[in-house]
Amino acid sequence: MPAFVTRRAAAAVAALLATPALALAADAGGAKNVLEPDLVNSIVTLIVFGALLAILYTFAWGPILQGLKAREAAQFAAVDEAKRARDEATAMRSQVQAELAKAADQVRAMLDEARADADALRVTEREAGVKEAQAERERAKREIEVAKDTALDEIYRTAVDLATTLSARTLGRQISADDHRKLLDESLAELKQSPRLA
């Protein structure tokens, strides 16, 4: 507020306050009842009241109104900020829920993939075990066949040796090594072709 406006307002207030005092001083000649209506006092009171209202309207009402408007603007701004914060929180909550749902789907997919991998591994191991068992059976069969053939050859040789020895005793003479080998080979061939031993 400029200084000249303040000085002018102070002078107006002083004049207004001095007016009732002057009116009372002029009328101070006799003793009056204060409760009696007096036209001069009423007019002076109305003038002082009007002047006071004008001064208050000019110098007080403007700053008060500005303060109220500023306060109202601050409250509206706070309400708008609260709404914006609520909207942001709602958006963030929706985003977090979407991310959680996505993460849950990813975890579910990873678990399904892990189960599928475990099942595939189980099947692969089972197939490998079956193949290994089959290979072991085949190897055992081959070993049994080799052992059987070896045992049969040994039995054939022993049988031929016994037969040769019996024949030699029966014939009363010694059989040569070539004869012995020839008899052995023939006997083995006959035994291998025999349906009971094959």
Protein backbone atom coordinates (compact mmCIF):
# COMPACT_ATOMS: atom_id res chain seq x y z
CA MET A 1 0.00 0.00 0.00
CA PRO A 2 1.43 3.48 -0.86
CA ALA A 3 2.35 5.79 2.03
CA PHE A 4 0.03 8.63 1.01
CA VAL A 5 -2.99 6.29 1.11
CA THR A 6 -2.04 5.18 4.60
CA ARG A 7 -1.65 8.80 5.81
CA ARG A 8 -4.95 9.80 4.28
CA ALA A 9 -6.72 6.82 5.90
CA ALA A 10 -5.19 7.64 9.29
CA ALA A 11 -6.34 11.26 9.02
CA ALA A 12 -9.89 10.14 8.08
CA VAL A 13 -10.07 7.77 11.06
CA ALA A 14 -8.81 10.49 13.41
CA ALA A 15 -11.39 12.95 12.09
CA LEU A 16 -14.19 10.45 12.50
CA LEU A 17 -13.18 9.59 16.01
CA ALA A 18 -12.90 13.27 16.95
CA THR A 19 -16.35 14.17 15.56
CA PRO A 20 -18.39 12.49 18.33
CA ALA A 21 -16.09 14.03 20.93
CA LEU A 22 -16.67 17.49 19.48
CA ALA A 23 -20.43 16.92 19.40
CA LEU A 24 -20.44 15.85 23.03
CA ALA A 25 -18.28 18.82 24.06
CA ALA A 26 -20.70 21.26 22.41
CA ASP A 27 -23.61 19.68 24.22
CA ALA A 28 -21.86 19.40 27.60
CA GLY A 29 -23.68 22.42 29.07
CA GLY A 30 -26.39 20.49 30.84
CA ALA A 31 -26.73 17.11 32.45
CA LYS A 32 -28.34 14.72 30.11
CA ASN A 33 -29.68 11.25 30.43
CA VAL A 34 -27.60 8.92 28.38
CA LEU A 35 -30.49 6.65 27.62
CA GLU A 36 -32.59 9.41 26.05
CA PRO A 37 -32.61 9.39 22.25
CA ASP A 38 -30.56 12.21 20.79
CA LEU A 39 -30.65 13.02 17.11
CA VAL A 40 -27.12 14.43 16.94
CA ASN A 41 -25.60 11.42 18.65
CA SER A 42 -27.48 9.09 16.34
CA ILE A 43 -26.32 10.94 13.21
CA VAL A 44 -22.72 11.11 14.43
CA THR A 45 -22.80 7.39 15.31
CA LEU A 46 -24.13 6.54 11.84
CA ILE A 47 -21.47 8.71 10.20
CA VAL A 48 -18.70 7.12 12.28
CA PHE A 49 -20.07 3.65 11.56
CA GLY A 50 -20.28 4.39 7.80
CA ALA A 51 -16.77 5.83 7.77
CA LEU A 52 -15.44 2.84 9.66
CA LEU A 53 -17.13 0.50 7.16
CA ALA A 54 -15.63 2.45 4.25
CA ILE A 55 -12.16 2.30 5.80
CA LEU A 56 -12.47 -1.40 6.59
CA TYR A 57 -13.79 -2.11 3.10
CA THR A 58 -10.94 -0.18 1.53
CA PHE A 59 -8.05 -1.34 3.70
CA ALA A 60 -9.07 -4.60 5.41
CA TRP A 61 -11.60 -6.30 3.19
CA GLY A 62 -9.25 -6.49 0.16
CA PRO A 63 -6.38 -8.28 1.98
CA ILE A 64 -8.85 -10.54 3.82
CA LEU A 65 -10.56 -11.40 0.54
CA GLN A 66 -7.20 -12.03 -1.13
CA GLY A 67 -6.15 -14.26 1.77
CA LEU A 68 -9.43 -16.20 1.55
CA LYS A 69 -9.06 -16.57 -2.21
CA ALA A 70 -5.46 -17.74 -1.79
CA ARG A 71 -6.55 -20.21 0.88
CA GLU A 72 -9.40 -21.45 -1.34
CA ALA A 73 -6.99 -21.81 -4.28
CA ALA A 74 -4.56 -23.73 -2.05
CA GLN A 75 -7.35 -26.03 -0.90
CA PHE A 76 -8.50 -26.66 -4.48
CA ALA A 77 -4.88 -27.31 -5.46
CA ALA A 78 -4.54 -29.76 -2.55
CA VAL A 79 -7.77 -31.50 -3.60
CA ASP A 80 -6.54 -31.68 -7.21
CA GLU A 81 -3.17 -32.99 -6.03
CA ALA A 82 -4.91 -35.61 -3.88
CA LYS A 83 -7.05 -36.68 -6.86
CA ARG A 84 -3.97 -36.85 -9.08
CA ALA A 85 -2.10 -38.86 -6.42
CA ARG A 86 -5.10 -41.20 -6.07
CA ASP A 87 -5.26 -41.66 -9.84
CA GLU A 88 -1.51 -42.33 -9.97
CA ALA A 89 -1.81 -44.81 -7.10
CA THR A 90 -4.69 -46.55 -8.88
CA ALA A 91 -2.66 -46.70 -12.10
CA MET A 92 0.39 -48.00 -10.23
CA ARG A 93 -1.73 -50.59 -8.41
CA SER A 94 -3.13 -51.76 -11.75
CA GLN A 95 0.36 -51.89 -13.22
CA VAL A 96 1.71 -53.83 -10.22
CA GLN A 97 -1.22 -56.25 -10.41
CA ALA A 98 -0.59 -56.74 -14.13
CA GLU A 99 3.12 -57.34 -13.48
CA LEU A 100 2.30 -59.79 -10.68
CA ALA A 101 -0.10 -61.65 -12.97
CA LYS A 102 2.56 -61.72 -15.69
CA ALA A 103 5.16 -62.98 -13.19
CA ALA A 104 2.73 -65.65 -11.98
CA ASP A 105 2.15 -66.74 -15.59
CA GLN A 106 5.90 -66.89 -16.17
CA VAL A 107 6.40 -68.95 -13.00
CA ARG A 108 3.57 -71.26 -14.08
CA ALA A 109 5.14 -71.61 -17.54
CA MET A 110 8.56 -72.30 -16.02
CA LEU A 111 7.08 -74.95 -13.72
CA ASP A 112 5.26 -76.56 -16.65
CA GLU A 113 8.47 -76.53 -18.68
CA ALA A 114 10.40 -78.02 -15.75
CA ARG A 115 7.77 -80.76 -15.39
CA ALA A 116 7.92 -81.47 -19.12
CA ASP A 117 11.73 -81.58 -18.99
CA ALA A 118 11.59 -83.93 -15.98
CA ASP A 119 9.10 -86.19 -17.77
CA ALA A 120 11.25 -86.18 -20.91
CA LEU A 121 14.34 -86.95 -18.83
CA ARG A 122 12.49 -89.78 -17.10
CA VAL A 123 11.41 -91.20 -20.45
CA THR A 124 14.94 -90.82 -21.85
CA GLU A 125 16.46 -92.47 -18.81
CA ARG A 126 13.88 -95.25 -18.97
CA GLU A 127 14.62 -95.79 -22.67
CA ALA A 128 18.35 -95.71 -21.96
CA GLY A 129 17.83 -98.20 -19.14
CA VAL A 130 15.76 -100.45 -21.41
CA LYS A 131 18.41 -100.23 -24.15
CA GLU A 132 21.15 -100.88 -21.63
CA ALA A 133 19.25 -103.84 -20.17
CA GLN A 134 18.64 -105.15 -23.71
CA ALA A 135 22.34 -104.75 -24.53
CA GLU A 136 23.24 -106.51 -21.27
CA ARG A 137 20.86 -109.37 -22.11
CA GLU A 138 22.32 -109.64 -25.58
CA ARG A 139 25.85 -109.66 -24.16
CA ALA A 140 24.83 -112.26 -21.57
CA LYS A 141 23.24 -114.37 -24.32
CA ARG A 142 26.43 -114.13 -26.36
CA GLU A 143 28.51 -115.04 -23.34
CA ILE A 144 26.17 -117.95 -22.59
CA GLU A 145 26.37 -119.07 -26.22
CA VAL A 146 30.17 -118.82 -26.15
CA ALA A 147 30.29 -120.67 -22.81
CA LYS A 148 27.82 -123.25 -24.13
CA ASP A 149 29.86 -123.71 -27.30
CA THR A 150 33.06 -123.96 -25.26
CA ALA A 151 31.45 -126.46 -22.87
CA LEU A 152 30.04 -128.49 -25.76
CA ASP A 153 33.43 -128.50 -27.48
CA GLU A 154 34.98 -129.67 -24.25
CA ILE A 155 32.31 -132.33 -23.84
CA TYR A 156 32.80 -133.40 -27.47
CA ARG A 157 36.55 -133.60 -27.01
CA THR A 158 36.16 -135.54 -23.81
CA ALA A 159 33.61 -137.85 -25.42
CA VAL A 160 35.85 -138.35 -28.43
CA ASP A 161 38.84 -138.98 -26.19
CA LEU A 162 36.83 -141.53 -24.24
CA ALA A 163 35.51 -143.06 -27.41
CA THR A 164 39.01 -143.18 -28.86
CA THR A 165 40.39 -144.73 -25.72
CA LEU A 166 37.59 -147.28 -25.65
CA SER A 167 38.02 -147.98 -29.32
CA ALA A 168 41.75 -148.35 -28.92
CA ARG A 169 41.30 -150.79 -26.09
CA THR A 170 38.63 -152.61 -27.97
CA LEU A 171 40.67 -152.78 -31.13
CA GLY A 172 43.80 -153.50 -29.22
CA ARG A 173 45.97 -151.09 -31.06
CA GLN A 174 47.05 -147.48 -30.79
CA ILE A 175 45.43 -144.87 -33.00
CA SER A 176 47.73 -142.32 -34.55
CA ALA A 177 47.42 -138.58 -33.87
CA ASP A 178 46.10 -137.96 -37.37
CA ASP A 179 43.49 -140.64 -36.97
CA HIS A 180 42.65 -139.28 -33.60
CA ARG A 181 42.21 -135.72 -35.02
CA LYS A 182 40.16 -137.00 -37.92
CA LEU A 183 37.86 -138.96 -35.62
CA LEU A 184 37.54 -135.98 -33.33
CA ASP A 185 36.56 -133.59 -36.13
CA GLU A 186 34.03 -136.05 -37.54
CA SER A 187 32.48 -136.63 -34.14
CA LEU A 188 32.26 -132.89 -33.47
CA ALA A 189 30.59 -132.28 -36.80
CA GLU A 190 28.04 -135.04 -36.10
CA LEU A 191 27.35 -133.75 -32.60
CA LYS A 192 26.84 -130.19 -33.83
CA GLN A 193 24.37 -131.41 -36.42
CA SER A 194 22.49 -133.47 -33.88
CA PRO A 195 19.05 -131.93 -33.23
CA ARG A 196 19.14 -132.62 -29.48
CA LEU A 197 22.28 -130.56 -28.88
CA ALA A 198 21.71 -127.74 -31.33
